[in-house]
Amino acid sequence: MSLVILISGRGSNMQAILEAGVPVSAVISNRPDAAGLEIAARHGVKTAVVEHRSFADRESFDAALARQIDLHAPVAVALAGFMRILTPGFVARYAGRLVNIHPSLLPAYTGLDTHGRALAAGVKLHGCTVHFVTAELDHGPIIAQAAVPVLQGDTPDSLAARVLAQEHVVYPRALRWLLAGRLRIVDGRVRLDGATGADAALVSPDDD
């Protein structure tokens, strides 16, 4: 019962997942210079590179990436700063097993510059969301969220740092749920079996 993590850079969420003891079969990057590859290797995790620039189009890259993933027969695939838009065919191949973490309280602030946009809007709460990946970017059934207050004097960088600290808590926890078979999608919403205590605090109240 393990997962494959996809990265493009340092992979701070990947590192948090590894340090939390979540079982990981392999870390795969689309960039050979991704610093996260060395971090994964230090944790004794297999690494591989499928360089997107070596392929003529997204479809051929995604096919090669899927072949590399499937060598490890993972229960789930986690995106951790993987900076590629995946094709609908790839997403469908791993439906219900492909997860991502986004630095906002979805459905608010999909896309980029989430922290600056949150500050510009004057929101009082910001945060992060772990969700199943669908063909629509930054959408898909929400698994868990963590919120932080927006403080007077916050900058995008200071707010990002506070959100990132929560990402490092909520992502490993959500992946443990998935690997343990505790997550179900019912009518487009995620249900967490046996949610109590701290687990219940990270899902909507009717998922307790």
C-alpha atoms as a PDB file:
ATOM      1  CA  MET A   1       0.000   0.000   0.000  1.00  0.00           C
ATOM      2  CA  SER A   2       2.085   2.913  -1.239  1.00  0.00           C
ATOM      3  CA  LEU A   3       2.102   5.865  -3.561  1.00  0.00           C
ATOM      4  CA  VAL A   4       4.160   7.549  -6.246  1.00  0.00           C
ATOM      5  CA  ILE A   5       4.883  11.268  -5.898  1.00  0.00           C
ATOM      6  CA  LEU A   6       5.332  13.578  -8.890  1.00  0.00           C
ATOM      7  CA  ILE A   7       7.474  16.698  -8.480  1.00  0.00           C
ATOM      8  CA  SER A   8       9.053  19.419 -10.584  1.00  0.00           C
ATOM      9  CA  GLY A   9      11.254  21.199  -8.061  1.00  0.00           C
ATOM     10  CA  ARG A  10      12.352  20.962  -4.445  1.00  0.00           C
ATOM     11  CA  GLY A  11       9.176  19.200  -3.399  1.00  0.00           C
ATOM     12  CA  SER A  12       8.666  20.528   0.137  1.00  0.00           C
ATOM     13  CA  ASN A  13       5.340  18.707   0.349  1.00  0.00           C
ATOM     14  CA  MET A  14       7.071  15.559  -0.889  1.00  0.00           C
ATOM     15  CA  GLN A  15       9.617  15.934   1.910  1.00  0.00           C
ATOM     16  CA  ALA A  16       6.832  16.403   4.470  1.00  0.00           C
ATOM     17  CA  ILE A  17       5.128  13.236   3.202  1.00  0.00           C
ATOM     18  CA  LEU A  18       8.354  11.248   3.483  1.00  0.00           C
ATOM     19  CA  GLU A  19       9.167  12.605   6.939  1.00  0.00           C
ATOM     20  CA  ALA A  20       5.642  11.749   8.094  1.00  0.00           C
ATOM     21  CA  GLY A  21       6.347   8.111   7.304  1.00  0.00           C
ATOM     22  CA  VAL A  22       3.805   7.718   4.518  1.00  0.00           C
ATOM     23  CA  PRO A  23       4.905   4.738   2.381  1.00  0.00           C
ATOM     24  CA  VAL A  24       6.279   5.968  -0.957  1.00  0.00           C
ATOM     25  CA  SER A  25       7.396   3.648  -3.758  1.00  0.00           C
ATOM     26  CA  ALA A  26       8.986   6.266  -5.992  1.00  0.00           C
ATOM     27  CA  VAL A  27       9.418   9.955  -6.704  1.00  0.00           C
ATOM     28  CA  ILE A  28       9.269  10.979 -10.368  1.00  0.00           C
ATOM     29  CA  SER A  29      10.173  14.375 -11.790  1.00  0.00           C
ATOM     30  CA  ASN A  30       9.734  15.961 -15.193  1.00  0.00           C
ATOM     31  CA  ARG A  31      12.941  17.916 -14.568  1.00  0.00           C
ATOM     32  CA  PRO A  32      16.341  16.242 -14.103  1.00  0.00           C
ATOM     33  CA  ASP A  33      17.574  19.152 -11.954  1.00  0.00           C
ATOM     34  CA  ALA A  34      14.705  18.955  -9.459  1.00  0.00           C
ATOM     35  CA  ALA A  35      16.227  19.245  -5.976  1.00  0.00           C
ATOM     36  CA  GLY A  36      13.551  16.938  -4.597  1.00  0.00           C
ATOM     37  CA  LEU A  37      15.144  13.964  -6.351  1.00  0.00           C
ATOM     38  CA  GLU A  38      18.177  14.172  -4.087  1.00  0.00           C
ATOM     39  CA  ILE A  39      15.968  14.587  -1.017  1.00  0.00           C
ATOM     40  CA  ALA A  40      13.984  11.481  -1.973  1.00  0.00           C
ATOM     41  CA  ALA A  41      17.171   9.486  -2.577  1.00  0.00           C
ATOM     42  CA  ARG A  42      18.438  10.425   0.898  1.00  0.00           C
ATOM     43  CA  HIS A  43      15.230   8.902   2.262  1.00  0.00           C
ATOM     44  CA  GLY A  44      15.965   5.679   0.396  1.00  0.00           C
ATOM     45  CA  VAL A  45      13.174   6.185  -2.130  1.00  0.00           C
ATOM     46  CA  LYS A  46      13.577   5.226  -5.785  1.00  0.00           C
ATOM     47  CA  THR A  47      13.662   8.165  -8.192  1.00  0.00           C
ATOM     48  CA  ALA A  48      13.157   8.604 -11.917  1.00  0.00           C
ATOM     49  CA  VAL A  49      13.015  11.388 -14.487  1.00  0.00           C
ATOM     50  CA  VAL A  50      10.602  11.621 -17.401  1.00  0.00           C
ATOM     51  CA  GLU A  51      11.703  14.868 -19.016  1.00  0.00           C
ATOM     52  CA  HIS A  52       8.788  16.588 -20.712  1.00  0.00           C
ATOM     53  CA  ARG A  53      11.048  18.389 -23.170  1.00  0.00           C
ATOM     54  CA  SER A  54      11.947  15.046 -24.725  1.00  0.00           C
ATOM     55  CA  PHE A  55       8.409  14.566 -26.045  1.00  0.00           C
ATOM     56  CA  ALA A  56       6.618  16.196 -28.939  1.00  0.00           C
ATOM     57  CA  ASP A  57       3.316  16.699 -27.156  1.00  0.00           C
ATOM     58  CA  ARG A  58       1.521  16.304 -23.853  1.00  0.00           C
ATOM     59  CA  GLU A  59      -0.070  13.030 -24.818  1.00  0.00           C
ATOM     60  CA  SER A  60       3.216  11.277 -25.508  1.00  0.00           C
ATOM     61  CA  PHE A  61       4.771  12.691 -22.337  1.00  0.00           C
ATOM     62  CA  ASP A  62       1.815  11.592 -20.233  1.00  0.00           C
ATOM     63  CA  ALA A  63       1.958   8.110 -21.754  1.00  0.00           C
ATOM     64  CA  ALA A  64       5.637   7.767 -20.847  1.00  0.00           C
ATOM     65  CA  LEU A  65       4.958   9.144 -17.373  1.00  0.00           C
ATOM     66  CA  ALA A  66       2.157   6.629 -16.864  1.00  0.00           C
ATOM     67  CA  ARG A  67       4.436   3.764 -17.895  1.00  0.00           C
ATOM     68  CA  GLN A  68       6.992   4.852 -15.317  1.00  0.00           C
ATOM     69  CA  ILE A  69       4.343   5.205 -12.606  1.00  0.00           C
ATOM     70  CA  ASP A  70       2.825   1.816 -13.361  1.00  0.00           C
ATOM     71  CA  LEU A  71       6.164   0.070 -12.815  1.00  0.00           C
ATOM     72  CA  HIS A  72       5.504   0.630  -9.105  1.00  0.00           C
ATOM     73  CA  ALA A  73       1.812  -0.388  -9.101  1.00  0.00           C
ATOM     74  CA  PRO A  74       0.905   2.377  -6.640  1.00  0.00           C
ATOM     75  CA  VAL A  75      -2.368   2.649  -4.767  1.00  0.00           C
ATOM     76  CA  ALA A  76      -2.282   6.420  -5.351  1.00  0.00           C
ATOM     77  CA  VAL A  77      -0.370   9.147  -7.185  1.00  0.00           C
ATOM     78  CA  ALA A  78       0.295  12.450  -5.400  1.00  0.00           C
ATOM     79  CA  LEU A  79       1.171  15.697  -7.134  1.00  0.00           C
ATOM     80  CA  ALA A  80       3.604  17.731  -5.038  1.00  0.00           C
ATOM     81  CA  GLY A  81       4.556  20.830  -6.958  1.00  0.00           C
ATOM     82  CA  PHE A  82       4.295  19.025 -10.277  1.00  0.00           C
ATOM     83  CA  MET A  83       4.169  21.893 -12.755  1.00  0.00           C
ATOM     84  CA  ARG A  84       2.574  20.191 -15.737  1.00  0.00           C
ATOM     85  CA  ILE A  85      -1.033  20.278 -16.901  1.00  0.00           C
ATOM     86  CA  LEU A  86      -2.087  16.655 -17.274  1.00  0.00           C
ATOM     87  CA  THR A  87      -4.190  15.425 -20.180  1.00  0.00           C
ATOM     88  CA  PRO A  88      -7.749  14.159 -19.623  1.00  0.00           C
ATOM     89  CA  GLY A  89      -6.621  10.661 -20.605  1.00  0.00           C
ATOM     90  CA  PHE A  90      -3.953  10.608 -17.904  1.00  0.00           C
ATOM     91  CA  VAL A  91      -6.387  11.903 -15.292  1.00  0.00           C
ATOM     92  CA  ALA A  92      -8.959   9.281 -16.283  1.00  0.00           C
ATOM     93  CA  ARG A  93      -6.342   6.521 -16.013  1.00  0.00           C
ATOM     94  CA  TYR A  94      -5.828   7.337 -12.329  1.00  0.00           C
ATOM     95  CA  ALA A  95      -9.344   8.487 -11.467  1.00  0.00           C
ATOM     96  CA  GLY A  96      -9.983   8.227  -7.762  1.00  0.00           C
ATOM     97  CA  ARG A  97      -6.261   7.706  -7.113  1.00  0.00           C
ATOM     98  CA  LEU A  98      -4.716  10.988  -8.306  1.00  0.00           C
ATOM     99  CA  VAL A  99      -4.527  13.748  -5.695  1.00  0.00           C
ATOM    100  CA  ASN A 100      -3.178  17.270  -5.471  1.00  0.00           C
ATOM    101  CA  ILE A 101      -2.750  20.000  -2.899  1.00  0.00           C
ATOM    102  CA  HIS A 102      -3.634  23.570  -3.859  1.00  0.00           C
ATOM    103  CA  PRO A 103      -2.695  26.701  -1.857  1.00  0.00           C
ATOM    104  CA  SER A 104      -6.195  28.094  -1.380  1.00  0.00           C
ATOM    105  CA  LEU A 105      -9.512  27.117   0.101  1.00  0.00           C
ATOM    106  CA  LEU A 106     -11.036  25.780  -3.083  1.00  0.00           C
ATOM    107  CA  PRO A 107     -13.182  26.581  -4.958  1.00  0.00           C
ATOM    108  CA  ALA A 108     -11.747  30.054  -4.257  1.00  0.00           C
ATOM    109  CA  TYR A 109      -8.605  31.171  -6.097  1.00  0.00           C
ATOM    110  CA  THR A 110      -7.918  28.417  -8.558  1.00  0.00           C
ATOM    111  CA  GLY A 111      -4.784  28.865 -10.634  1.00  0.00           C
ATOM    112  CA  LEU A 112      -1.750  30.948  -9.723  1.00  0.00           C
ATOM    113  CA  ASP A 113      -0.946  33.815  -7.317  1.00  0.00           C
ATOM    114  CA  THR A 114      -3.466  32.551  -4.778  1.00  0.00           C
ATOM    115  CA  HIS A 115      -1.965  34.416  -1.822  1.00  0.00           C
ATOM    116  CA  GLY A 116      -1.778  37.782  -3.544  1.00  0.00           C
ATOM    117  CA  ARG A 117      -5.323  37.419  -4.802  1.00  0.00           C
ATOM    118  CA  ALA A 118      -6.579  36.492  -1.339  1.00  0.00           C
ATOM    119  CA  LEU A 119      -4.938  39.576   0.136  1.00  0.00           C
ATOM    120  CA  ALA A 120      -6.356  41.786  -2.615  1.00  0.00           C
ATOM    121  CA  ALA A 121      -9.834  40.448  -1.905  1.00  0.00           C
ATOM    122  CA  GLY A 122      -9.515  41.195   1.802  1.00  0.00           C
ATOM    123  CA  VAL A 123     -10.504  37.717   2.980  1.00  0.00           C
ATOM    124  CA  LYS A 124     -10.033  36.909   6.657  1.00  0.00           C
ATOM    125  CA  LEU A 125      -9.296  33.210   6.157  1.00  0.00           C
ATOM    126  CA  HIS A 126      -7.040  31.544   3.622  1.00  0.00           C
ATOM    127  CA  GLY A 127      -5.583  28.063   3.445  1.00  0.00           C
ATOM    128  CA  CYS A 128      -4.991  24.941   1.410  1.00  0.00           C
ATOM    129  CA  THR A 129      -7.015  22.103  -0.090  1.00  0.00           C
ATOM    130  CA  VAL A 130      -6.233  18.462  -0.792  1.00  0.00           C
ATOM    131  CA  HIS A 131      -8.446  17.221  -3.614  1.00  0.00           C
ATOM    132  CA  PHE A 132      -8.865  14.450  -6.128  1.00  0.00           C
ATOM    133  CA  VAL A 133      -7.671  15.570  -9.561  1.00  0.00           C
ATOM    134  CA  THR A 134     -10.160  15.840 -12.417  1.00  0.00           C
ATOM    135  CA  ALA A 135      -9.758  17.091 -15.964  1.00  0.00           C
ATOM    136  CA  GLU A 136     -10.781  20.588 -14.835  1.00  0.00           C
ATOM    137  CA  LEU A 137      -7.763  22.389 -13.356  1.00  0.00           C
ATOM    138  CA  ASP A 138      -7.862  22.850  -9.553  1.00  0.00           C
ATOM    139  CA  HIS A 139     -11.258  21.235  -9.266  1.00  0.00           C
ATOM    140  CA  GLY A 140     -12.303  17.801  -8.126  1.00  0.00           C
ATOM    141  CA  PRO A 141     -13.790  16.392  -4.920  1.00  0.00           C
ATOM    142  CA  ILE A 142     -12.287  17.972  -1.813  1.00  0.00           C
ATOM    143  CA  ILE A 143     -10.610  15.568   0.612  1.00  0.00           C
ATOM    144  CA  ALA A 144      -9.414  17.974   3.304  1.00  0.00           C
ATOM    145  CA  GLN A 145      -8.757  21.637   3.959  1.00  0.00           C
ATOM    146  CA  ALA A 146      -6.750  23.620   6.496  1.00  0.00           C
ATOM    147  CA  ALA A 147      -7.322  27.311   7.160  1.00  0.00           C
ATOM    148  CA  VAL A 148      -5.099  30.079   8.523  1.00  0.00           C
ATOM    149  CA  PRO A 149      -6.059  33.620   9.526  1.00  0.00           C
ATOM    150  CA  VAL A 150      -5.060  36.485   7.277  1.00  0.00           C
ATOM    151  CA  LEU A 151      -3.194  38.930   9.511  1.00  0.00           C
ATOM    152  CA  GLN A 152      -2.897  42.668   9.250  1.00  0.00           C
ATOM    153  CA  GLY A 153       0.341  43.464   7.477  1.00  0.00           C
ATOM    154  CA  ASP A 154       0.523  40.127   5.702  1.00  0.00           C
ATOM    155  CA  THR A 155       2.400  39.961   2.423  1.00  0.00           C
ATOM    156  CA  PRO A 156       1.976  37.197  -0.157  1.00  0.00           C
ATOM    157  CA  ASP A 157       5.213  35.669   1.138  1.00  0.00           C
ATOM    158  CA  SER A 158       4.268  35.721   4.813  1.00  0.00           C
ATOM    159  CA  LEU A 159       0.820  34.326   4.084  1.00  0.00           C
ATOM    160  CA  ALA A 160       2.296  31.652   1.795  1.00  0.00           C
ATOM    161  CA  ALA A 161       4.677  30.525   4.547  1.00  0.00           C
ATOM    162  CA  ARG A 162       1.826  30.101   7.023  1.00  0.00           C
ATOM    163  CA  VAL A 163      -0.268  28.186   4.501  1.00  0.00           C
ATOM    164  CA  LEU A 164       2.684  25.972   3.550  1.00  0.00           C
ATOM    165  CA  ALA A 165       3.127  24.907   7.169  1.00  0.00           C
ATOM    166  CA  GLN A 166      -0.456  23.655   7.117  1.00  0.00           C
ATOM    167  CA  GLU A 167       0.069  21.917   3.776  1.00  0.00           C
ATOM    168  CA  HIS A 168       2.808  19.874   5.415  1.00  0.00           C
ATOM    169  CA  VAL A 169       0.325  18.690   8.036  1.00  0.00           C
ATOM    170  CA  VAL A 170      -2.808  18.070   6.015  1.00  0.00           C
ATOM    171  CA  TYR A 171      -1.348  16.420   2.904  1.00  0.00           C
ATOM    172  CA  PRO A 172       0.332  13.454   4.647  1.00  0.00           C
ATOM    173  CA  ARG A 173      -2.794  12.911   6.738  1.00  0.00           C
ATOM    174  CA  ALA A 174      -5.067  12.899   3.690  1.00  0.00           C
ATOM    175  CA  LEU A 175      -2.756  10.479   1.882  1.00  0.00           C
ATOM    176  CA  ARG A 176      -2.841   8.100   4.845  1.00  0.00           C
ATOM    177  CA  TRP A 177      -6.646   8.104   4.624  1.00  0.00           C
ATOM    178  CA  LEU A 178      -6.472   7.298   0.924  1.00  0.00           C
ATOM    179  CA  LEU A 179      -3.941   4.499   1.340  1.00  0.00           C
ATOM    180  CA  ALA A 180      -5.998   3.025   4.167  1.00  0.00           C
ATOM    181  CA  GLY A 181      -9.097   2.915   1.951  1.00  0.00           C
ATOM    182  CA  ARG A 182     -11.013   5.346   4.156  1.00  0.00           C
ATOM    183  CA  LEU A 183     -12.079   7.738   1.396  1.00  0.00           C
ATOM    184  CA  ARG A 184     -15.227   7.352  -0.704  1.00  0.00           C
ATOM    185  CA  ILE A 185     -16.692   9.692  -3.314  1.00  0.00           C
ATOM    186  CA  VAL A 186     -20.472   9.888  -2.946  1.00  0.00           C
ATOM    187  CA  ASP A 187     -22.451  12.224  -5.227  1.00  0.00           C
ATOM    188  CA  GLY A 188     -19.277  14.137  -6.039  1.00  0.00           C
ATOM    189  CA  ARG A 189     -18.297  14.651  -2.396  1.00  0.00           C
ATOM    190  CA  VAL A 190     -15.638  12.884  -0.371  1.00  0.00           C
ATOM    191  CA  ARG A 191     -16.647  10.844   2.669  1.00  0.00           C
ATOM    192  CA  LEU A 192     -14.072   9.844   5.294  1.00  0.00           C
ATOM    193  CA  ASP A 193     -14.975   6.578   6.980  1.00  0.00           C
ATOM    194  CA  GLY A 194     -14.675   6.609  10.756  1.00  0.00           C
ATOM    195  CA  ALA A 195     -13.784  10.298  11.058  1.00  0.00           C
ATOM    196  CA  THR A 196     -13.298  11.372  14.682  1.00  0.00           C
ATOM    197  CA  GLY A 197     -11.359  14.016  16.587  1.00  0.00           C
ATOM    198  CA  ALA A 198      -8.609  15.718  14.597  1.00  0.00           C
ATOM    199  CA  ASP A 199      -9.617  13.854  11.451  1.00  0.00           C
ATOM    200  CA  ALA A 200     -13.139  15.203  11.646  1.00  0.00           C
ATOM    201  CA  ALA A 201     -11.818  18.756  12.054  1.00  0.00           C
ATOM    202  CA  LEU A 202     -10.317  18.572   8.580  1.00  0.00           C
ATOM    203  CA  VAL A 203     -13.500  17.567   6.770  1.00  0.00           C
ATOM    204  CA  SER A 204     -16.931  19.113   6.534  1.00  0.00           C
ATOM    205  CA  PRO A 205     -19.095  18.686   9.665  1.00  0.00           C
ATOM    206  CA  ASP A 206     -21.428  16.149   8.069  1.00  0.00           C
ATOM    207  CA  ASP A 207     -18.461  13.850   7.429  1.00  0.00           C
ATOM    208  CA  ASP A 208     -17.875  13.228  11.169  1.00  0.00           C
END
